[in-house]
PDB file of N, CA and C in Angstrom:
ATOM      1  N   MET A   1     -18.831 -13.126  -5.387  1.00  0.00           N
ATOM      2  CA  MET A   1     -18.310 -11.913  -5.984  1.00  0.00           C
ATOM      3  C   MET A   1     -18.438 -10.777  -4.977  1.00  0.00           C
ATOM      4  N   SER A   2     -17.460  -9.907  -4.930  1.00  0.00           N
ATOM      5  CA  SER A   2     -17.507  -8.791  -3.998  1.00  0.00           C
ATOM      6  C   SER A   2     -16.987  -7.540  -4.676  1.00  0.00           C
ATOM      7  N   ALA A   3     -17.353  -6.406  -4.114  1.00  0.00           N
ATOM      8  CA  ALA A   3     -16.879  -5.112  -4.617  1.00  0.00           C
ATOM      9  C   ALA A   3     -15.967  -4.506  -3.563  1.00  0.00           C
ATOM     10  N   PHE A   4     -14.832  -3.972  -4.002  1.00  0.00           N
ATOM     11  CA  PHE A   4     -13.878  -3.395  -3.075  1.00  0.00           C
ATOM     12  C   PHE A   4     -14.004  -1.881  -3.074  1.00  0.00           C
ATOM     13  N   ALA A   5     -13.964  -1.294  -1.901  1.00  0.00           N
ATOM     14  CA  ALA A   5     -13.993   0.156  -1.766  1.00  0.00           C
ATOM     15  C   ALA A   5     -13.000   0.548  -0.688  1.00  0.00           C
ATOM     16  N   PRO A   6     -11.951   1.295  -1.040  1.00  0.00           N
ATOM     17  CA  PRO A   6     -10.981   1.681  -0.015  1.00  0.00           C
ATOM     18  C   PRO A   6     -11.642   2.484   1.098  1.00  0.00           C
ATOM     19  N   CYS A   7     -11.206   2.221   2.310  1.00  0.00           N
ATOM     20  CA  CYS A   7     -11.715   2.964   3.454  1.00  0.00           C
ATOM     21  C   CYS A   7     -11.244   4.410   3.317  1.00  0.00           C
ATOM     22  N   PRO A   8     -12.122   5.391   3.426  1.00  0.00           N
ATOM     23  CA  PRO A   8     -11.702   6.778   3.261  1.00  0.00           C
ATOM     24  C   PRO A   8     -10.614   7.158   4.265  1.00  0.00           C
ATOM     25  N   ILE A   9      -9.784   8.112   3.888  1.00  0.00           N
ATOM     26  CA  ILE A   9      -8.684   8.545   4.757  1.00  0.00           C
ATOM     27  C   ILE A   9      -9.215   8.989   6.114  1.00  0.00           C
ATOM     28  N   ALA A  10     -10.388   9.608   6.134  1.00  0.00           N
ATOM     29  CA  ALA A  10     -10.949  10.102   7.386  1.00  0.00           C
ATOM     30  C   ALA A  10     -11.444   8.980   8.291  1.00  0.00           C
ATOM     31  N   CYS A  11     -11.519   7.759   7.793  1.00  0.00           N
ATOM     32  CA  CYS A  11     -12.028   6.637   8.571  1.00  0.00           C
ATOM     33  C   CYS A  11     -10.963   6.190   9.571  1.00  0.00           C
ATOM     34  N   MET A  12     -11.181   6.480  10.826  1.00  0.00           N
ATOM     35  CA  MET A  12     -10.221   6.101  11.855  1.00  0.00           C
ATOM     36  C   MET A  12     -10.519   4.710  12.413  1.00  0.00           C
ATOM     37  N   GLU A  13     -11.688   4.185  12.073  1.00  0.00           N
ATOM     38  CA  GLU A  13     -12.068   2.864  12.566  1.00  0.00           C
ATOM     39  C   GLU A  13     -11.263   1.762  11.891  1.00  0.00           C
ATOM     40  N   HIS A  14     -10.940   1.922  10.591  1.00  0.00           N
ATOM     41  CA  HIS A  14     -10.219   0.902   9.820  1.00  0.00           C
ATOM     42  C   HIS A  14      -9.090   1.508   9.004  1.00  0.00           C
ATOM     43  N   PRO A  15      -8.132   2.187   9.600  1.00  0.00           N
ATOM     44  CA  PRO A  15      -7.058   2.770   8.791  1.00  0.00           C
ATOM     45  C   PRO A  15      -6.239   1.679   8.110  1.00  0.00           C
ATOM     46  N   GLY A  16      -5.901   1.897   6.839  1.00  0.00           N
ATOM     47  CA  GLY A  16      -5.078   0.936   6.105  1.00  0.00           C
ATOM     48  C   GLY A  16      -5.779  -0.344   5.754  1.00  0.00           C
ATOM     49  N   GLN A  17      -7.093  -0.329   5.695  1.00  0.00           N
ATOM     50  CA  GLN A  17      -7.826  -1.530   5.354  1.00  0.00           C
ATOM     51  C   GLN A  17      -8.822  -1.230   4.241  1.00  0.00           C
ATOM     52  N   THR A  18      -9.366  -2.272   3.648  1.00  0.00           N
ATOM     53  CA  THR A  18     -10.307  -2.138   2.546  1.00  0.00           C
ATOM     54  C   THR A  18     -11.634  -2.767   2.924  1.00  0.00           C
ATOM     55  N   HIS A  19     -12.712  -2.040   2.668  1.00  0.00           N
ATOM     56  CA  HIS A  19     -14.045  -2.578   2.911  1.00  0.00           C
ATOM     57  C   HIS A  19     -14.439  -3.467   1.740  1.00  0.00           C
ATOM     58  N   VAL A  20     -15.042  -4.608   2.030  1.00  0.00           N
ATOM     59  CA  VAL A  20     -15.520  -5.522   1.007  1.00  0.00           C
ATOM     60  C   VAL A  20     -17.013  -5.709   1.221  1.00  0.00           C
ATOM     61  N   PHE A  21     -17.767  -5.481   0.156  1.00  0.00           N
ATOM     62  CA  PHE A  21     -19.210  -5.672   0.220  1.00  0.00           C
ATOM     63  C   PHE A  21     -19.560  -6.894  -0.611  1.00  0.00           C
ATOM     64  N   THR A  22     -20.169  -7.885   0.012  1.00  0.00           N
ATOM     65  CA  THR A  22     -20.535  -9.107  -0.692  1.00  0.00           C
ATOM     66  C   THR A  22     -21.840  -8.890  -1.451  1.00  0.00           C
ATOM     67  N   MET A  23     -22.210  -9.858  -2.277  1.00  0.00           N
ATOM     68  CA  MET A  23     -23.418  -9.738  -3.098  1.00  0.00           C
ATOM     69  C   MET A  23     -24.680  -9.585  -2.254  1.00  0.00           C
ATOM     70  N   ASN A  24     -24.699 -10.152  -1.060  1.00  0.00           N
ATOM     71  CA  ASN A  24     -25.905 -10.032  -0.223  1.00  0.00           C
ATOM     72  C   ASN A  24     -25.845  -8.803   0.684  1.00  0.00           C
ATOM     73  N   GLY A  25     -24.893  -7.897   0.425  1.00  0.00           N
ATOM     74  CA  GLY A  25     -24.844  -6.632   1.149  1.00  0.00           C
ATOM     75  C   GLY A  25     -24.067  -6.658   2.446  1.00  0.00           C
ATOM     76  N   GLU A  26     -23.505  -7.813   2.818  1.00  0.00           N
ATOM     77  CA  GLU A  26     -22.713  -7.873   4.040  1.00  0.00           C
ATOM     78  C   GLU A  26     -21.383  -7.157   3.813  1.00  0.00           C
ATOM     79  N   GLU A  27     -20.828  -6.641   4.885  1.00  0.00           N
ATOM     80  CA  GLU A  27     -19.575  -5.902   4.799  1.00  0.00           C
ATOM     81  C   GLU A  27     -18.507  -6.619   5.603  1.00  0.00           C
ATOM     82  N   ASP A  28     -17.298  -6.634   5.062  1.00  0.00           N
ATOM     83  CA  ASP A  28     -16.149  -7.202   5.754  1.00  0.00           C
ATOM     84  C   ASP A  28     -14.983  -6.233   5.530  1.00  0.00           C
ATOM     85  N   VAL A  29     -13.934  -6.366   6.309  1.00  0.00           N
ATOM     86  CA  VAL A  29     -12.778  -5.483   6.188  1.00  0.00           C
ATOM     87  C   VAL A  29     -11.537  -6.346   5.980  1.00  0.00           C
ATOM     88  N   LEU A  30     -10.780  -6.049   4.917  1.00  0.00           N
ATOM     89  CA  LEU A  30      -9.547  -6.765   4.609  1.00  0.00           C
ATOM     90  C   LEU A  30      -8.351  -5.848   4.808  1.00  0.00           C
ATOM     91  N   PRO A  31      -7.199  -6.389   5.217  1.00  0.00           N
ATOM     92  CA  PRO A  31      -6.000  -5.546   5.347  1.00  0.00           C
ATOM     93  C   PRO A  31      -5.493  -5.133   3.966  1.00  0.00           C
ATOM     94  N   ARG A  32      -4.895  -3.946   3.889  1.00  0.00           N
ATOM     95  CA  ARG A  32      -4.296  -3.488   2.630  1.00  0.00           C
ATOM     96  C   ARG A  32      -3.037  -4.290   2.365  1.00  0.00           C
ATOM     97  N   ARG A  33      -2.759  -4.585   1.112  1.00  0.00           N
ATOM     98  CA  ARG A  33      -1.565  -5.335   0.743  1.00  0.00           C
ATOM     99  C   ARG A  33      -0.593  -4.522  -0.092  1.00  0.00           C
ATOM    100  N   ALA A  34      -1.014  -3.325  -0.546  1.00  0.00           N
ATOM    101  CA  ALA A  34      -0.137  -2.472  -1.347  1.00  0.00           C
ATOM    102  C   ALA A  34      -0.488  -1.010  -1.084  1.00  0.00           C
ATOM    103  N   TRP A  35       0.503  -0.151  -1.314  1.00  0.00           N
ATOM    104  CA  TRP A  35       0.375   1.258  -0.977  1.00  0.00           C
ATOM    105  C   TRP A  35       0.837   2.125  -2.133  1.00  0.00           C
ATOM    106  N   THR A  36       0.288   3.314  -2.248  1.00  0.00           N
ATOM    107  CA  THR A  36       0.778   4.273  -3.232  1.00  0.00           C
ATOM    108  C   THR A  36       2.097   4.838  -2.717  1.00  0.00           C
ATOM    109  N   PRO A  37       2.912   5.424  -3.595  1.00  0.00           N
ATOM    110  CA  PRO A  37       4.158   6.037  -3.120  1.00  0.00           C
ATOM    111  C   PRO A  37       3.925   7.103  -2.049  1.00  0.00           C
ATOM    112  N   ARG A  38       2.861   7.879  -2.174  1.00  0.00           N
ATOM    113  CA  ARG A  38       2.574   8.913  -1.174  1.00  0.00           C
ATOM    114  C   ARG A  38       2.251   8.267   0.182  1.00  0.00           C
ATOM    115  N   GLU A  39       1.461   7.184   0.174  1.00  0.00           N
ATOM    116  CA  GLU A  39       1.134   6.487   1.426  1.00  0.00           C
ATOM    117  C   GLU A  39       2.386   5.840   2.028  1.00  0.00           C
ATOM    118  N   ALA A  40       3.229   5.253   1.176  1.00  0.00           N
ATOM    119  CA  ALA A  40       4.468   4.637   1.656  1.00  0.00           C
ATOM    120  C   ALA A  40       5.391   5.694   2.259  1.00  0.00           C
ATOM    121  N   ALA A  41       5.466   6.861   1.613  1.00  0.00           N
ATOM    122  CA  ALA A  41       6.296   7.940   2.142  1.00  0.00           C
ATOM    123  C   ALA A  41       5.816   8.351   3.525  1.00  0.00           C
ATOM    124  N   HIS A  42       4.518   8.446   3.683  1.00  0.00           N
ATOM    125  CA  HIS A  42       3.947   8.815   4.977  1.00  0.00           C
ATOM    126  C   HIS A  42       4.294   7.759   6.037  1.00  0.00           C
ATOM    127  N   GLN A  43       4.166   6.480   5.669  1.00  0.00           N
ATOM    128  CA  GLN A  43       4.476   5.402   6.613  1.00  0.00           C
ATOM    129  C   GLN A  43       5.952   5.382   6.987  1.00  0.00           C
ATOM    130  N   LEU A  44       6.811   5.669   6.003  1.00  0.00           N
ATOM    131  CA  LEU A  44       8.248   5.636   6.251  1.00  0.00           C
ATOM    132  C   LEU A  44       8.769   6.925   6.873  1.00  0.00           C
ATOM    133  N   GLY A  45       7.977   7.983   6.804  1.00  0.00           N
ATOM    134  CA  GLY A  45       8.404   9.260   7.352  1.00  0.00           C
ATOM    135  C   GLY A  45       9.447   9.956   6.487  1.00  0.00           C
ATOM    136  N   ILE A  46       9.376   9.719   5.179  1.00  0.00           N
ATOM    137  CA  ILE A  46      10.323  10.346   4.249  1.00  0.00           C
ATOM    138  C   ILE A  46       9.529  11.068   3.172  1.00  0.00           C
ATOM    139  N   PRO A  47      10.173  11.979   2.430  1.00  0.00           N
ATOM    140  CA  PRO A  47       9.458  12.705   1.383  1.00  0.00           C
ATOM    141  C   PRO A  47       8.989  11.793   0.244  1.00  0.00           C
ATOM    142  N   TYR A  48       7.895  12.172  -0.365  1.00  0.00           N
ATOM    143  CA  TYR A  48       7.319  11.469  -1.504  1.00  0.00           C
ATOM    144  C   TYR A  48       8.349  11.325  -2.632  1.00  0.00           C
ATOM    145  N   GLU A  49       9.078  12.403  -2.904  1.00  0.00           N
ATOM    146  CA  GLU A  49      10.067  12.382  -3.976  1.00  0.00           C
ATOM    147  C   GLU A  49      11.171  11.364  -3.707  1.00  0.00           C
ATOM    148  N   THR A  50      11.493  11.162  -2.442  1.00  0.00           N
ATOM    149  CA  THR A  50      12.502  10.165  -2.080  1.00  0.00           C
ATOM    150  C   THR A  50      11.999   8.764  -2.394  1.00  0.00           C
ATOM    151  N   VAL A  51      10.740   8.505  -2.128  1.00  0.00           N
ATOM    152  CA  VAL A  51      10.160   7.199  -2.452  1.00  0.00           C
ATOM    153  C   VAL A  51      10.228   6.967  -3.958  1.00  0.00           C
ATOM    154  N   LEU A  52       9.870   7.969  -4.753  1.00  0.00           N
ATOM    155  CA  LEU A  52       9.950   7.827  -6.208  1.00  0.00           C
ATOM    156  C   LEU A  52      11.377   7.562  -6.663  1.00  0.00           C
ATOM    157  N   ARG A  53      12.349   8.264  -6.059  1.00  0.00           N
ATOM    158  CA  ARG A  53      13.756   8.041  -6.410  1.00  0.00           C
ATOM    159  C   ARG A  53      14.190   6.617  -6.049  1.00  0.00           C
ATOM    160  N   LEU A  54      13.773   6.124  -4.884  1.00  0.00           N
ATOM    161  CA  LEU A  54      14.108   4.756  -4.469  1.00  0.00           C
ATOM    162  C   LEU A  54      13.517   3.738  -5.452  1.00  0.00           C
ATOM    163  N   ILE A  55      12.316   3.997  -5.925  1.00  0.00           N
ATOM    164  CA  ILE A  55      11.694   3.100  -6.908  1.00  0.00           C
ATOM    165  C   ILE A  55      12.490   3.135  -8.214  1.00  0.00           C
ATOM    166  N   HIS A  56      12.807   4.332  -8.703  1.00  0.00           N
ATOM    167  CA  HIS A  56      13.543   4.477  -9.967  1.00  0.00           C
ATOM    168  C   HIS A  56      14.942   3.887  -9.868  1.00  0.00           C
ATOM    169  N   ASP A  57      15.573   3.993  -8.690  1.00  0.00           N
ATOM    170  CA  ASP A  57      16.908   3.423  -8.470  1.00  0.00           C
ATOM    171  C   ASP A  57      16.857   1.931  -8.135  1.00  0.00           C
ATOM    172  N   GLU A  58      15.657   1.350  -8.144  1.00  0.00           N
ATOM    173  CA  GLU A  58      15.416  -0.072  -7.854  1.00  0.00           C
ATOM    174  C   GLU A  58      15.878  -0.476  -6.461  1.00  0.00           C
ATOM    175  N   LYS A  59      15.779   0.450  -5.511  1.00  0.00           N
ATOM    176  CA  LYS A  59      16.078   0.157  -4.117  1.00  0.00           C
ATOM    177  C   LYS A  59      14.813  -0.159  -3.324  1.00  0.00           C
ATOM    178  N   LEU A  60      13.661   0.160  -3.919  1.00  0.00           N
ATOM    179  CA  LEU A  60      12.365  -0.146  -3.331  1.00  0.00           C
ATOM    180  C   LEU A  60      11.503  -0.735  -4.439  1.00  0.00           C
ATOM    181  N   HIS A  61      11.065  -1.967  -4.240  1.00  0.00           N
ATOM    182  CA  HIS A  61      10.279  -2.658  -5.265  1.00  0.00           C
ATOM    183  C   HIS A  61       8.878  -2.062  -5.353  1.00  0.00           C
ATOM    184  N   ALA A  62       8.425  -1.867  -6.574  1.00  0.00           N
ATOM    185  CA  ALA A  62       7.058  -1.406  -6.818  1.00  0.00           C
ATOM    186  C   ALA A  62       6.548  -2.082  -8.085  1.00  0.00           C
ATOM    187  N   VAL A  63       5.260  -2.308  -8.133  1.00  0.00           N
ATOM    188  CA  VAL A  63       4.624  -2.824  -9.346  1.00  0.00           C
ATOM    189  C   VAL A  63       3.869  -1.670  -9.990  1.00  0.00           C
ATOM    190  N   THR A  64       3.676  -1.775 -11.284  1.00  0.00           N
ATOM    191  CA  THR A  64       2.939  -0.723 -11.961  1.00  0.00           C
ATOM    192  C   THR A  64       1.521  -1.195 -12.258  1.00  0.00           C
ATOM    193  N   ALA A  65       0.605  -0.283 -12.082  1.00  0.00           N
ATOM    194  CA  ALA A  65      -0.794  -0.499 -12.439  1.00  0.00           C
ATOM    195  C   ALA A  65      -1.118   0.628 -13.416  1.00  0.00           C
ATOM    196  N   GLY A  66      -0.965   0.329 -14.701  1.00  0.00           N
ATOM    197  CA  GLY A  66      -1.076   1.390 -15.688  1.00  0.00           C
ATOM    198  C   GLY A  66       0.120   2.306 -15.557  1.00  0.00           C
ATOM    199  N   ARG A  67      -0.123   3.576 -15.306  1.00  0.00           N
ATOM    200  CA  ARG A  67       0.983   4.518 -15.115  1.00  0.00           C
ATOM    201  C   ARG A  67       1.239   4.825 -13.645  1.00  0.00           C
ATOM    202  N   TYR A  68       0.635   4.055 -12.765  1.00  0.00           N
ATOM    203  CA  TYR A  68       0.754   4.269 -11.318  1.00  0.00           C
ATOM    204  C   TYR A  68       1.616   3.194 -10.686  1.00  0.00           C
ATOM    205  N   TYR A  69       2.284   3.553  -9.599  1.00  0.00           N
ATOM    206  CA  TYR A  69       3.068   2.602  -8.820  1.00  0.00           C
ATOM    207  C   TYR A  69       2.261   2.143  -7.619  1.00  0.00           C
ATOM    208  N   LEU A  70       2.419   0.866  -7.290  1.00  0.00           N
ATOM    209  CA  LEU A  70       1.912   0.307  -6.037  1.00  0.00           C
ATOM    210  C   LEU A  70       3.075  -0.412  -5.367  1.00  0.00           C
ATOM    211  N   ILE A  71       3.224  -0.171  -4.082  1.00  0.00           N
ATOM    212  CA  ILE A  71       4.324  -0.761  -3.321  1.00  0.00           C
ATOM    213  C   ILE A  71       3.739  -1.814  -2.384  1.00  0.00           C
ATOM    214  N   PRO A  72       4.061  -3.095  -2.623  1.00  0.00           N
ATOM    215  CA  PRO A  72       3.533  -4.158  -1.768  1.00  0.00           C
ATOM    216  C   PRO A  72       4.066  -4.053  -0.337  1.00  0.00           C
ATOM    217  N   ASP A  73       3.273  -4.545   0.603  1.00  0.00           N
ATOM    218  CA  ASP A  73       3.713  -4.600   2.005  1.00  0.00           C
ATOM    219  C   ASP A  73       5.068  -5.292   2.119  1.00  0.00           C
ATOM    220  N   SER A  74       5.238  -6.378   1.365  1.00  0.00           N
ATOM    221  CA  SER A  74       6.491  -7.142   1.447  1.00  0.00           C
ATOM    222  C   SER A  74       7.688  -6.290   1.025  1.00  0.00           C
ATOM    223  N   ALA A  75       7.498  -5.372   0.073  1.00  0.00           N
ATOM    224  CA  ALA A  75       8.592  -4.494  -0.356  1.00  0.00           C
ATOM    225  C   ALA A  75       8.967  -3.510   0.745  1.00  0.00           C
ATOM    226  N   LEU A  76       7.961  -2.997   1.446  1.00  0.00           N
ATOM    227  CA  LEU A  76       8.259  -2.100   2.572  1.00  0.00           C
ATOM    228  C   LEU A  76       8.998  -2.848   3.668  1.00  0.00           C
ATOM    229  N   GLU A  77       8.566  -4.070   3.958  1.00  0.00           N
ATOM    230  CA  GLU A  77       9.236  -4.877   4.980  1.00  0.00           C
ATOM    231  C   GLU A  77      10.686  -5.157   4.587  1.00  0.00           C
ATOM    232  N   SER A  78      10.916  -5.507   3.328  1.00  0.00           N
ATOM    233  CA  SER A  78      12.285  -5.779   2.853  1.00  0.00           C
ATOM    234  C   SER A  78      13.142  -4.523   2.923  1.00  0.00           C
ATOM    235  N   PHE A  79      12.570  -3.386   2.563  1.00  0.00           N
ATOM    236  CA  PHE A  79      13.314  -2.131   2.605  1.00  0.00           C
ATOM    237  C   PHE A  79      13.710  -1.788   4.028  1.00  0.00           C
ATOM    238  N   LEU A  80      12.803  -2.025   4.973  1.00  0.00           N
ATOM    239  CA  LEU A  80      13.067  -1.678   6.374  1.00  0.00           C
ATOM    240  C   LEU A  80      13.973  -2.686   7.060  1.00  0.00           C
ATOM    241  N   ASN A  81      14.057  -3.899   6.530  1.00  0.00           N
ATOM    242  CA  ASN A  81      14.880  -4.948   7.122  1.00  0.00           C
ATOM    243  C   ASN A  81      15.826  -5.505   6.056  1.00  0.00           C
ATOM    244  N   PRO A  82      16.910  -4.804   5.730  1.00  0.00           N
ATOM    245  CA  PRO A  82      17.790  -5.216   4.647  1.00  0.00           C
ATOM    246  C   PRO A  82      18.415  -6.606   4.841  1.00  0.00           C
ATOM    247  N   ARG A  83      18.585  -7.040   6.061  1.00  0.00           N
ATOM    248  CA  ARG A  83      19.177  -8.367   6.295  1.00  0.00           C
ATOM    249  C   ARG A  83      18.257  -9.470   5.791  1.00  0.00           C
ATOM    250  N   ALA A  84      16.965  -9.239   5.766  1.00  0.00           N
ATOM    251  CA  ALA A  84      16.024 -10.248   5.298  1.00  0.00           C
ATOM    252  C   ALA A  84      16.101 -10.430   3.784  1.00  0.00           C
ATOM    253  N   ARG A  85      16.674  -9.452   3.065  1.00  0.00           N
ATOM    254  CA  ARG A  85      16.773  -9.524   1.598  1.00  0.00           C
ATOM    255  C   ARG A  85      17.842 -10.503   1.159  1.00  0.00           C
ATOM    256  N   LYS A  86      18.811 -10.797   2.000  1.00  0.00           N
ATOM    257  CA  LYS A  86      19.936 -11.650   1.608  1.00  0.00           C
ATOM    258  C   LYS A  86      19.568 -13.099   1.550  1.00  0.00           C
TER     259      LYS A  86
END
């Protein structure tokens, strides 16, 4: 069993990764697999509102976690490489 804690934004050592603490206190770092719309907007270099519009228009796949959107890495890759979607 492990506990997940996102790496703080100020952490430059592991940007875009998640710290995992095991039961015996050891720490490991896993790559992120999903992003918030604000994080995706930053990665894509477009406004946050544009990301929300793309999600609502079903041009960018997102999953919901309660009332929040999460955008999987695979959705960003598909959006950036439209030929791979065919």
